[in-house]
N, C-alpha and C. Protein backbone atom coordinates (compact mmCIF):
# COMPACT_ATOMS: atom_id res chain seq x y z
N MET A 1 -17.76 -12.34 -7.28
CA MET A 1 -17.67 -11.19 -5.89
C MET A 1 -16.74 -11.71 -4.77
N GLN A 2 -17.44 -12.93 -4.35
CA GLN A 2 -16.90 -13.93 -2.89
C GLN A 2 -15.37 -14.07 -3.45
N THR A 3 -15.76 -14.75 -4.39
CA THR A 3 -14.15 -15.40 -4.43
C THR A 3 -13.12 -14.81 -5.14
N LEU A 4 -13.51 -12.95 -5.85
CA LEU A 4 -12.59 -12.27 -6.26
C LEU A 4 -11.76 -11.17 -4.19
N ARG A 5 -12.73 -11.68 -3.86
CA ARG A 5 -12.64 -10.53 -2.28
C ARG A 5 -11.54 -11.83 -1.78
N GLN A 6 -12.08 -13.27 -1.77
CA GLN A 6 -10.87 -14.06 -1.15
C GLN A 6 -9.57 -14.46 -1.80
N PHE A 7 -9.91 -14.16 -3.42
CA PHE A 7 -8.60 -14.11 -3.98
C PHE A 7 -7.32 -12.83 -3.78
N ALA A 8 -8.14 -12.16 -3.09
CA ALA A 8 -7.34 -10.90 -2.92
C ALA A 8 -6.67 -10.77 -1.33
N SER A 9 -7.22 -11.01 -0.69
CA SER A 9 -7.20 -11.43 0.74
C SER A 9 -5.82 -12.18 0.76
N ARG A 10 -5.68 -13.08 -0.03
CA ARG A 10 -4.75 -13.83 0.73
C ARG A 10 -3.01 -13.48 -0.71
N LEU A 11 -3.44 -12.58 -1.57
CA LEU A 11 -1.88 -11.98 -2.04
C LEU A 11 -1.70 -11.24 -0.94
N PRO A 12 0.24 -11.48 -1.32
CA PRO A 12 0.71 -11.32 -0.69
C PRO A 12 0.86 -9.77 -0.30
N SER A 13 1.79 -9.12 0.84
CA SER A 13 1.75 -7.87 0.28
C SER A 13 2.55 -7.33 -0.47
N THR A 14 3.84 -8.00 -1.00
CA THR A 14 4.38 -7.67 -1.82
C THR A 14 4.18 -7.57 -3.55
N ALA A 15 2.39 -8.02 -3.39
CA ALA A 15 2.07 -7.93 -4.85
C ALA A 15 1.10 -6.65 -4.55
N LEU A 16 0.99 -5.94 -3.75
CA LEU A 16 0.53 -4.82 -3.24
C LEU A 16 0.73 -3.92 -3.31
N LEU A 17 2.39 -3.66 -3.46
CA LEU A 17 4.06 -2.50 -3.51
C LEU A 17 3.80 -2.93 -5.49
N LEU A 18 2.96 -3.59 -6.39
CA LEU A 18 3.25 -3.44 -7.86
C LEU A 18 2.45 -2.18 -8.11
N PRO A 19 0.94 -1.67 -8.27
CA PRO A 19 0.42 -0.52 -8.52
C PRO A 19 1.55 0.79 -8.13
N LEU A 20 1.85 0.15 -6.85
CA LEU A 20 2.83 1.98 -6.46
C LEU A 20 4.06 1.96 -6.98
N LEU A 21 4.63 0.78 -7.60
CA LEU A 21 5.88 0.73 -8.81
C LEU A 21 5.22 1.44 -9.73
N LEU A 22 4.24 1.33 -10.42
CA LEU A 22 3.43 1.69 -12.09
C LEU A 22 3.20 2.54 -11.67
N LEU A 23 2.58 3.43 -10.41
CA LEU A 23 2.36 5.01 -10.42
C LEU A 23 3.97 5.73 -9.99
N ALA A 24 4.98 5.16 -9.57
CA ALA A 24 6.26 5.47 -9.64
C ALA A 24 6.73 5.65 -10.96
N THR A 25 6.75 4.96 -12.20
CA THR A 25 7.09 4.72 -13.14
C THR A 25 6.35 5.93 -14.37
N SER A 26 5.27 6.44 -13.92
CA SER A 26 4.18 6.40 -14.68
C SER A 26 4.36 8.37 -14.31
N CYS A 27 5.14 8.77 -13.47
CA CYS A 27 5.48 10.03 -13.12
C CYS A 27 6.94 10.40 -14.26
N SER A 28 6.29 11.24 -15.06
CA SER A 28 7.10 11.86 -16.25
C SER A 28 8.01 12.92 -15.77
N ARG A 29 7.29 14.10 -14.21
CA ARG A 29 8.08 15.03 -14.29
C ARG A 29 9.61 14.84 -14.24
N TYR A 30 10.39 15.08 -14.89
CA TYR A 30 11.91 14.82 -15.18
C TYR A 30 12.56 16.02 -15.46
N ASN A 31 13.60 16.36 -14.47
CA ASN A 31 14.97 17.88 -15.46
C ASN A 31 15.52 17.09 -16.22
N ASN A 32 16.25 17.56 -17.04
CA ASN A 32 17.12 17.47 -18.35
C ASN A 32 18.28 16.49 -18.05
N ASN A 33 18.28 16.18 -17.00
CA ASN A 33 19.23 15.64 -16.38
C ASN A 33 18.96 13.56 -16.22
N GLY A 34 17.46 13.92 -16.31
CA GLY A 34 17.00 12.54 -15.94
C GLY A 34 16.58 12.46 -14.35
N SER A 35 16.85 13.19 -13.45
CA SER A 35 16.33 13.44 -12.55
C SER A 35 14.47 13.78 -11.95
N LEU A 36 14.33 13.65 -11.08
CA LEU A 36 12.98 14.27 -10.76
C LEU A 36 12.63 15.47 -9.92
N SER A 37 12.27 16.44 -10.53
CA SER A 37 12.00 18.11 -10.07
C SER A 37 11.13 18.14 -9.12
N ILE A 38 11.16 18.85 -8.26
CA ILE A 38 10.33 19.04 -7.56
C ILE A 38 9.01 18.88 -7.33
N VAL A 39 8.24 19.66 -8.53
CA VAL A 39 6.79 18.79 -9.29
C VAL A 39 6.65 17.57 -9.02
N GLY A 40 7.49 16.93 -9.38
CA GLY A 40 7.73 15.26 -9.70
C GLY A 40 7.54 14.37 -8.44
N VAL A 41 8.19 15.28 -7.58
CA VAL A 41 8.36 14.30 -6.51
C VAL A 41 7.03 14.83 -5.40
N LEU A 42 6.28 15.84 -5.77
CA LEU A 42 5.08 16.55 -4.83
C LEU A 42 4.06 15.64 -5.45
N TYR A 43 3.69 15.65 -6.96
CA TYR A 43 3.12 14.47 -7.66
C TYR A 43 2.97 13.26 -6.56
N LEU A 44 4.26 12.65 -6.85
CA LEU A 44 4.45 11.26 -6.08
C LEU A 44 3.82 11.29 -5.08
N ILE A 45 4.20 11.82 -3.78
CA ILE A 45 3.77 11.82 -2.74
C ILE A 45 2.46 11.98 -2.93
N LEU A 46 1.45 12.71 -3.82
CA LEU A 46 0.40 12.76 -3.67
C LEU A 46 -0.58 11.89 -4.34
N ALA A 47 -0.08 11.46 -5.50
CA ALA A 47 -0.29 10.21 -6.17
C ALA A 47 -0.94 8.75 -4.72
N ILE A 48 0.71 8.26 -4.09
CA ILE A 48 0.98 7.88 -3.12
C ILE A 48 -0.36 8.02 -2.32
N ALA A 49 -0.12 8.41 -1.88
CA ALA A 49 -0.61 8.69 -0.58
C ALA A 49 -2.79 8.90 -0.69
N ALA A 50 -2.84 9.25 -2.21
CA ALA A 50 -3.87 8.88 -2.34
C ALA A 50 -4.56 7.26 -2.68
N VAL A 51 -3.62 6.57 -3.68
CA VAL A 51 -3.44 5.17 -3.71
C VAL A 51 -3.83 4.60 -2.42
N ILE A 52 -2.98 5.02 -1.39
CA ILE A 52 -2.84 4.11 0.02
C ILE A 52 -4.11 4.26 0.70
N SER A 53 -4.37 5.03 0.86
CA SER A 53 -5.43 6.11 1.27
C SER A 53 -7.33 5.25 0.99
N LEU A 54 -6.82 5.25 -0.46
CA LEU A 54 -8.18 4.13 -1.51
C LEU A 54 -8.13 2.77 -1.19
N LEU A 55 -6.34 2.22 -0.51
CA LEU A 55 -6.73 0.64 -0.23
C LEU A 55 -6.97 0.51 0.95
N LYS A 56 -7.13 1.84 1.97
CA LYS A 56 -8.12 1.42 3.36
C LYS A 56 -9.02 1.28 3.07
N GLN A 57 -10.01 1.90 2.32
CA GLN A 57 -11.09 3.00 2.76
C GLN A 57 -12.09 0.66 2.25
N ASP A 58 -13.28 1.07 3.10
CA ASP A 58 -14.16 -0.48 3.20
C ASP A 58 -14.97 -0.20 1.93
N TRP A 59 -14.54 0.09 0.99
CA TRP A 59 -15.10 -0.12 -0.15
C TRP A 59 -16.01 -1.19 -1.35
N SER A 60 -17.00 -1.49 -2.15
CA SER A 60 -16.71 -2.09 -2.72
C SER A 60 -15.52 -2.25 -3.79
N LEU A 61 -14.92 -3.35 -4.61
CA LEU A 61 -14.61 -3.22 -5.41
C LEU A 61 -14.32 -2.36 -6.59
N THR A 62 -15.75 -2.31 -7.38
CA THR A 62 -15.55 -1.16 -7.92
C THR A 62 -15.48 -0.24 -7.61
N LYS A 63 -16.08 0.58 -6.58
CA LYS A 63 -15.65 2.19 -6.59
C LYS A 63 -14.70 2.11 -6.56
N LYS A 64 -13.30 0.71 -5.90
CA LYS A 64 -12.22 1.24 -5.60
C LYS A 64 -11.61 1.81 -6.63
N LEU A 65 -12.19 0.34 -7.52
CA LEU A 65 -11.27 0.69 -9.37
C LEU A 65 -12.17 1.85 -9.93
N VAL A 66 -13.10 2.47 -9.58
CA VAL A 66 -13.24 3.74 -10.26
C VAL A 66 -12.24 4.78 -9.95
N TRP A 67 -12.33 5.18 -8.58
CA TRP A 67 -11.22 6.09 -8.06
C TRP A 67 -10.00 5.55 -8.37
N GLY A 68 -9.61 4.62 -8.48
CA GLY A 68 -8.04 4.13 -8.68
C GLY A 68 -8.10 4.53 -10.19
N ALA A 69 -8.88 4.27 -11.02
CA ALA A 69 -8.82 5.01 -12.44
C ALA A 69 -9.20 6.22 -12.95
N ILE A 70 -9.38 7.42 -11.89
CA ILE A 70 -9.75 8.42 -11.42
C ILE A 70 -8.16 9.23 -11.81
N ILE A 71 -7.24 8.18 -10.33
CA ILE A 71 -5.84 8.84 -10.22
C ILE A 71 -5.22 8.60 -11.18
N TRP A 72 -5.30 7.70 -11.66
CA TRP A 72 -4.62 7.09 -12.47
C TRP A 72 -5.05 7.85 -14.22
N PHE A 73 -6.06 7.95 -14.30
CA PHE A 73 -5.78 9.30 -15.51
C PHE A 73 -5.66 10.02 -15.41
N PHE A 74 -5.98 10.78 -14.71
CA PHE A 74 -6.15 12.38 -14.34
C PHE A 74 -4.83 12.20 -13.16
N PRO A 75 -3.42 12.69 -13.44
CA PRO A 75 -2.10 12.42 -12.43
C PRO A 75 -2.22 13.26 -11.60
N VAL A 76 -2.55 14.75 -11.23
CA VAL A 76 -2.57 15.73 -10.28
C VAL A 76 -3.66 15.78 -10.35
N LEU A 77 -4.69 16.15 -10.92
CA LEU A 77 -6.33 16.34 -10.83
C LEU A 77 -6.99 15.50 -10.04
N GLY A 78 -6.79 14.43 -10.76
CA GLY A 78 -7.01 13.01 -10.19
C GLY A 78 -7.12 12.59 -8.71
N SER A 79 -5.94 13.20 -7.97
CA SER A 79 -5.58 12.90 -6.66
C SER A 79 -6.48 13.97 -5.87
N ILE A 80 -6.32 14.73 -6.31
CA ILE A 80 -6.83 15.98 -5.68
C ILE A 80 -8.19 16.28 -5.82
N ILE A 81 -9.05 15.53 -6.31
CA ILE A 81 -10.15 14.87 -6.53
C ILE A 81 -11.07 13.81 -5.96
N TYR A 82 -9.96 13.23 -5.69
CA TYR A 82 -10.29 11.89 -4.89
C TYR A 82 -10.52 12.24 -3.31
N PHE A 83 -9.03 13.55 -3.09
CA PHE A 83 -9.14 14.35 -1.52
C PHE A 83 -10.15 15.12 -1.68
N LEU A 84 -10.98 15.71 -2.27
CA LEU A 84 -11.54 16.71 -1.98
C LEU A 84 -13.31 15.67 -2.44
N PHE A 85 -13.41 14.75 -3.04
CA PHE A 85 -14.72 14.66 -3.19
C PHE A 85 -14.96 13.30 -2.96
N SER A 86 -14.19 12.24 -2.76
CA SER A 86 -14.46 10.85 -2.52
C SER A 86 -15.10 10.46 -1.21
N GLY A 87 -15.73 11.40 -0.17
CA GLY A 87 -16.32 10.99 1.14
C GLY A 87 -15.50 10.14 1.85
N ARG A 88 -14.12 9.80 1.58
CA ARG A 88 -13.87 9.07 2.63
C ARG A 88 -13.86 8.90 4.11
N ARG A 89 -13.78 8.48 5.37
CA ARG A 89 -13.31 8.98 6.36
C ARG A 89 -11.83 9.04 6.70
């Protein structure tokens, strides 16, 4: 576990943008012409805020992964559940 933390601390900041990119491409709230709808933009803002908040927490890696999975697999509701029940500071 300690070596994983050391490895994660050496990652460049650009590697941390990959989860945000994946989150942005998973947003399926598009209009007929291919542009994002207002609901899609609001979801994207909410999800990005949840992921940024999650990355700033000083929790264990396991707890972060569990909350990240909740945010990922339950798109809108997962972010709301995170903000309501995570016990973050």
